[in-house]
Amino acid sequence: MINFNYFLIVGIFLFILGVLGFFFNRKNVLLLLLTLELMLLSSNINFISFSVFLDDLFGQLFAIIILTIAAAESALGLGILIAYYRVRGSILIDSIQVLRS
């Protein structure tokens, strides 16, 4: 059987990778959405591993809720990106700054 600590290490590593990708990527909105999804899925790994370790179903319930929220967020975000790309022709964050004025 795989040790419980390995799941936590993988979850923490994926979360840190998502945070670093979110902070170091300032050009592409699509990559920002992908790193946000990576952070949500790493929290799911931690919820499910704690749920199995503590023999409680609430962690799995939270993971299902987070997966539902992540699916809605990605569908909405991609829909907005497609509409924005059709209007502007680019999804770079630099061109989004024009909308502030």
N, C-alpha and C. Protein backbone atom coordinates (compact mmCIF):
# COMPACT_ATOMS: atom_id res chain seq x y z
N MET A 1 0.84 -1.18 0.00
CA MET A 1 0.00 0.00 0.00
C MET A 1 0.88 1.25 0.00
N ILE A 2 0.43 2.26 -0.70
CA ILE A 2 1.20 3.50 -0.81
C ILE A 2 1.01 4.31 0.46
N ASN A 3 2.07 4.92 0.90
CA ASN A 3 2.05 5.71 2.12
C ASN A 3 1.21 6.98 1.93
N PHE A 4 0.57 7.42 2.99
CA PHE A 4 -0.29 8.60 2.99
C PHE A 4 0.50 9.87 2.67
N ASN A 5 1.74 9.92 3.11
CA ASN A 5 2.57 11.12 2.90
C ASN A 5 2.85 11.38 1.43
N TYR A 6 2.90 10.32 0.61
CA TYR A 6 3.17 10.52 -0.81
C TYR A 6 2.05 11.30 -1.49
N PHE A 7 0.82 11.02 -1.10
CA PHE A 7 -0.31 11.75 -1.68
C PHE A 7 -0.27 13.21 -1.30
N LEU A 8 0.09 13.48 -0.06
CA LEU A 8 0.20 14.87 0.38
C LEU A 8 1.33 15.60 -0.34
N ILE A 9 2.44 14.92 -0.54
CA ILE A 9 3.56 15.54 -1.23
C ILE A 9 3.19 15.85 -2.68
N VAL A 10 2.49 14.93 -3.34
CA VAL A 10 2.07 15.17 -4.73
C VAL A 10 1.07 16.33 -4.78
N GLY A 11 0.13 16.37 -3.84
CA GLY A 11 -0.85 17.46 -3.81
C GLY A 11 -0.20 18.81 -3.55
N ILE A 12 0.73 18.85 -2.62
CA ILE A 12 1.42 20.11 -2.32
C ILE A 12 2.29 20.54 -3.50
N PHE A 13 2.97 19.58 -4.13
CA PHE A 13 3.81 19.90 -5.28
C PHE A 13 2.97 20.47 -6.43
N LEU A 14 1.81 19.86 -6.70
CA LEU A 14 0.95 20.36 -7.77
C LEU A 14 0.39 21.74 -7.45
N PHE A 15 0.07 21.98 -6.18
CA PHE A 15 -0.44 23.29 -5.79
C PHE A 15 0.64 24.36 -5.94
N ILE A 16 1.85 24.06 -5.52
CA ILE A 16 2.95 25.02 -5.66
C ILE A 16 3.25 25.27 -7.13
N LEU A 17 3.18 24.21 -7.95
CA LEU A 17 3.39 24.37 -9.38
C LEU A 17 2.32 25.27 -10.00
N GLY A 18 1.08 25.13 -9.54
CA GLY A 18 0.01 25.99 -10.03
C GLY A 18 0.18 27.43 -9.61
N VAL A 19 0.59 27.65 -8.36
CA VAL A 19 0.80 29.02 -7.87
C VAL A 19 1.96 29.68 -8.62
N LEU A 20 3.04 28.94 -8.82
CA LEU A 20 4.17 29.50 -9.56
C LEU A 20 3.79 29.80 -11.00
N GLY A 21 3.02 28.91 -11.62
CA GLY A 21 2.57 29.17 -12.98
C GLY A 21 1.65 30.36 -13.06
N PHE A 22 0.83 30.56 -12.03
CA PHE A 22 -0.08 31.70 -12.01
C PHE A 22 0.68 33.01 -11.86
N PHE A 23 1.72 33.02 -11.03
CA PHE A 23 2.47 34.26 -10.82
C PHE A 23 3.47 34.57 -11.93
N PHE A 24 4.09 33.53 -12.51
CA PHE A 24 5.10 33.78 -13.52
C PHE A 24 4.53 33.94 -14.92
N ASN A 25 3.29 33.52 -15.12
CA ASN A 25 2.66 33.68 -16.43
C ASN A 25 1.75 34.89 -16.38
N ARG A 26 2.15 35.94 -17.01
CA ARG A 26 1.35 37.16 -17.02
C ARG A 26 0.89 37.54 -18.42
N LYS A 27 1.07 36.66 -19.41
CA LYS A 27 0.74 37.01 -20.78
C LYS A 27 -0.52 36.32 -21.29
N ASN A 28 -0.68 35.04 -21.01
CA ASN A 28 -1.74 34.26 -21.62
C ASN A 28 -2.83 33.93 -20.61
N VAL A 29 -4.05 34.30 -20.93
CA VAL A 29 -5.18 34.07 -20.02
C VAL A 29 -5.52 32.59 -19.95
N LEU A 30 -5.34 31.87 -21.05
CA LEU A 30 -5.66 30.45 -21.08
C LEU A 30 -4.75 29.67 -20.13
N LEU A 31 -3.49 30.02 -20.07
CA LEU A 31 -2.58 29.36 -19.14
C LEU A 31 -2.90 29.72 -17.69
N LEU A 32 -3.41 30.92 -17.45
CA LEU A 32 -3.85 31.28 -16.10
C LEU A 32 -5.02 30.41 -15.67
N LEU A 33 -5.96 30.15 -16.57
CA LEU A 33 -7.07 29.26 -16.25
C LEU A 33 -6.60 27.83 -16.00
N LEU A 34 -5.62 27.38 -16.77
CA LEU A 34 -5.08 26.03 -16.57
C LEU A 34 -4.38 25.89 -15.22
N THR A 35 -3.63 26.91 -14.82
CA THR A 35 -2.96 26.81 -13.52
C THR A 35 -3.97 26.89 -12.38
N LEU A 36 -5.05 27.62 -12.57
CA LEU A 36 -6.11 27.65 -11.57
C LEU A 36 -6.76 26.27 -11.44
N GLU A 37 -6.98 25.60 -12.55
CA GLU A 37 -7.52 24.24 -12.52
C GLU A 37 -6.54 23.28 -11.84
N LEU A 38 -5.26 23.48 -12.08
CA LEU A 38 -4.25 22.63 -11.43
C LEU A 38 -4.29 22.80 -9.91
N MET A 39 -4.46 24.03 -9.45
CA MET A 39 -4.55 24.26 -8.01
C MET A 39 -5.81 23.64 -7.42
N LEU A 40 -6.93 23.72 -8.12
CA LEU A 40 -8.16 23.10 -7.63
C LEU A 40 -8.04 21.58 -7.59
N LEU A 41 -7.43 20.99 -8.60
CA LEU A 41 -7.28 19.54 -8.60
C LEU A 41 -6.28 19.05 -7.56
N SER A 42 -5.28 19.85 -7.25
CA SER A 42 -4.35 19.44 -6.19
C SER A 42 -5.04 19.49 -4.83
N SER A 43 -5.95 20.44 -4.65
CA SER A 43 -6.71 20.44 -3.39
C SER A 43 -7.64 19.24 -3.33
N ASN A 44 -8.13 18.79 -4.48
CA ASN A 44 -8.95 17.57 -4.50
C ASN A 44 -8.15 16.35 -4.08
N ILE A 45 -6.91 16.27 -4.51
CA ILE A 45 -6.06 15.15 -4.11
C ILE A 45 -5.90 15.14 -2.60
N ASN A 46 -5.69 16.30 -2.01
CA ASN A 46 -5.54 16.37 -0.55
C ASN A 46 -6.84 16.04 0.16
N PHE A 47 -7.97 16.54 -0.35
CA PHE A 47 -9.26 16.21 0.28
C PHE A 47 -9.53 14.71 0.24
N ILE A 48 -9.29 14.08 -0.89
CA ILE A 48 -9.58 12.65 -1.01
C ILE A 48 -8.61 11.83 -0.18
N SER A 49 -7.35 12.21 -0.13
CA SER A 49 -6.40 11.45 0.68
C SER A 49 -6.71 11.58 2.16
N PHE A 50 -7.10 12.78 2.62
CA PHE A 50 -7.51 12.90 4.02
C PHE A 50 -8.80 12.16 4.30
N SER A 51 -9.68 12.11 3.31
CA SER A 51 -10.92 11.38 3.49
C SER A 51 -10.67 9.89 3.67
N VAL A 52 -9.76 9.34 2.89
CA VAL A 52 -9.43 7.93 3.02
C VAL A 52 -8.68 7.67 4.33
N PHE A 53 -7.77 8.57 4.68
CA PHE A 53 -6.99 8.39 5.90
C PHE A 53 -7.86 8.47 7.15
N LEU A 54 -8.81 9.39 7.18
CA LEU A 54 -9.67 9.56 8.35
C LEU A 54 -10.93 8.72 8.30
N ASP A 55 -11.14 7.99 7.21
CA ASP A 55 -12.32 7.14 7.01
C ASP A 55 -13.61 7.96 7.15
N ASP A 56 -13.65 9.06 6.42
CA ASP A 56 -14.78 9.98 6.46
C ASP A 56 -15.14 10.36 5.01
N LEU A 57 -16.42 10.48 4.72
CA LEU A 57 -16.85 10.76 3.36
C LEU A 57 -16.95 12.24 3.02
N PHE A 58 -16.77 13.11 3.99
CA PHE A 58 -16.92 14.54 3.72
C PHE A 58 -15.83 15.08 2.78
N GLY A 59 -14.65 14.53 2.85
CA GLY A 59 -13.58 14.95 1.93
C GLY A 59 -13.93 14.61 0.49
N GLN A 60 -14.52 13.44 0.28
CA GLN A 60 -14.93 13.06 -1.07
C GLN A 60 -16.10 13.91 -1.55
N LEU A 61 -16.98 14.28 -0.64
CA LEU A 61 -18.08 15.18 -0.99
C LEU A 61 -17.56 16.55 -1.39
N PHE A 62 -16.60 17.07 -0.64
CA PHE A 62 -15.99 18.36 -1.00
C PHE A 62 -15.27 18.27 -2.34
N ALA A 63 -14.63 17.14 -2.61
CA ALA A 63 -13.94 16.97 -3.89
C ALA A 63 -14.93 16.99 -5.05
N ILE A 64 -16.08 16.37 -4.89
CA ILE A 64 -17.09 16.40 -5.95
C ILE A 64 -17.61 17.82 -6.15
N ILE A 65 -17.82 18.55 -5.06
CA ILE A 65 -18.28 19.93 -5.17
C ILE A 65 -17.23 20.79 -5.87
N ILE A 66 -15.96 20.60 -5.53
CA ILE A 66 -14.88 21.38 -6.16
C ILE A 66 -14.77 21.03 -7.64
N LEU A 67 -14.95 19.75 -8.00
CA LEU A 67 -14.91 19.38 -9.41
C LEU A 67 -16.05 20.03 -10.18
N THR A 68 -17.23 20.14 -9.56
CA THR A 68 -18.35 20.80 -10.21
C THR A 68 -18.07 22.28 -10.41
N ILE A 69 -17.54 22.93 -9.39
CA ILE A 69 -17.20 24.35 -9.49
C ILE A 69 -16.10 24.57 -10.53
N ALA A 70 -15.11 23.67 -10.58
CA ALA A 70 -14.02 23.81 -11.55
C ALA A 70 -14.54 23.63 -12.97
N ALA A 71 -15.47 22.71 -13.18
CA ALA A 71 -16.02 22.52 -14.52
C ALA A 71 -16.82 23.74 -14.95
N ALA A 72 -17.60 24.30 -14.04
CA ALA A 72 -18.37 25.50 -14.37
C ALA A 72 -17.45 26.68 -14.63
N GLU A 73 -16.40 26.81 -13.85
CA GLU A 73 -15.45 27.92 -14.02
C GLU A 73 -14.72 27.81 -15.35
N SER A 74 -14.31 26.61 -15.71
CA SER A 74 -13.59 26.47 -16.97
C SER A 74 -14.52 26.67 -18.16
N ALA A 75 -15.75 26.19 -18.10
CA ALA A 75 -16.69 26.40 -19.20
C ALA A 75 -17.01 27.88 -19.37
N LEU A 76 -17.25 28.56 -18.27
CA LEU A 76 -17.55 29.99 -18.33
C LEU A 76 -16.33 30.78 -18.81
N GLY A 77 -15.17 30.47 -18.27
CA GLY A 77 -13.96 31.18 -18.66
C GLY A 77 -13.61 30.98 -20.13
N LEU A 78 -13.75 29.75 -20.61
CA LEU A 78 -13.45 29.50 -22.02
C LEU A 78 -14.48 30.16 -22.93
N GLY A 79 -15.73 30.21 -22.50
CA GLY A 79 -16.75 30.91 -23.28
C GLY A 79 -16.46 32.39 -23.39
N ILE A 80 -16.04 32.99 -22.28
CA ILE A 80 -15.68 34.41 -22.29
C ILE A 80 -14.45 34.64 -23.16
N LEU A 81 -13.48 33.74 -23.08
CA LEU A 81 -12.27 33.88 -23.91
C LEU A 81 -12.58 33.77 -25.39
N ILE A 82 -13.46 32.88 -25.76
CA ILE A 82 -13.82 32.73 -27.17
C ILE A 82 -14.52 33.99 -27.67
N ALA A 83 -15.44 34.52 -26.87
CA ALA A 83 -16.13 35.75 -27.26
C ALA A 83 -15.15 36.92 -27.35
N TYR A 84 -14.22 37.01 -26.41
CA TYR A 84 -13.23 38.08 -26.42
C TYR A 84 -12.29 37.95 -27.62
N TYR A 85 -11.92 36.71 -27.95
CA TYR A 85 -11.03 36.49 -29.10
C TYR A 85 -11.71 36.88 -30.41
N ARG A 86 -12.99 36.62 -30.49
CA ARG A 86 -13.71 37.00 -31.72
C ARG A 86 -13.79 38.51 -31.89
N VAL A 87 -13.86 39.24 -30.78
CA VAL A 87 -13.95 40.70 -30.87
C VAL A 87 -12.58 41.32 -31.11
N ARG A 88 -11.58 40.92 -30.31
CA ARG A 88 -10.27 41.56 -30.34
C ARG A 88 -9.23 40.87 -31.21
N GLY A 89 -9.34 39.54 -31.39
CA GLY A 89 -8.37 38.81 -32.18
C GLY A 89 -7.16 38.34 -31.40
N SER A 90 -7.17 38.51 -30.08
CA SER A 90 -6.05 38.10 -29.23
C SER A 90 -6.56 37.86 -27.82
N ILE A 91 -5.89 36.95 -27.11
CA ILE A 91 -6.27 36.72 -25.72
C ILE A 91 -5.14 37.10 -24.77
N LEU A 92 -4.23 37.92 -25.23
CA LEU A 92 -3.14 38.37 -24.37
C LEU A 92 -3.66 39.34 -23.32
N ILE A 93 -3.08 39.28 -22.15
CA ILE A 93 -3.51 40.13 -21.04
C ILE A 93 -3.19 41.59 -21.31
N ASP A 94 -2.14 41.85 -22.08
CA ASP A 94 -1.79 43.25 -22.40
C ASP A 94 -2.92 43.95 -23.15
N SER A 95 -3.61 43.21 -24.01
CA SER A 95 -4.70 43.83 -24.76
C SER A 95 -5.96 43.97 -23.91
N ILE A 96 -6.08 43.23 -22.82
CA ILE A 96 -7.23 43.36 -21.94
C ILE A 96 -7.16 44.67 -21.15
N GLN A 97 -5.98 45.19 -20.91
CA GLN A 97 -5.82 46.44 -20.17
C GLN A 97 -6.48 47.61 -20.88
N VAL A 98 -6.73 47.51 -22.17
CA VAL A 98 -7.37 48.57 -22.92
C VAL A 98 -8.82 48.76 -22.46
N LEU A 99 -9.44 47.70 -21.94
CA LEU A 99 -10.85 47.75 -21.54
C LEU A 99 -11.08 48.56 -20.27
N ARG A 100 -10.08 48.91 -19.54
CA ARG A 100 -10.25 49.61 -18.26
C ARG A 100 -10.74 51.03 -18.42
N SER A 101 -10.42 51.69 -19.49
CA SER A 101 -10.81 53.10 -19.64
C SER A 101 -12.22 53.26 -20.14
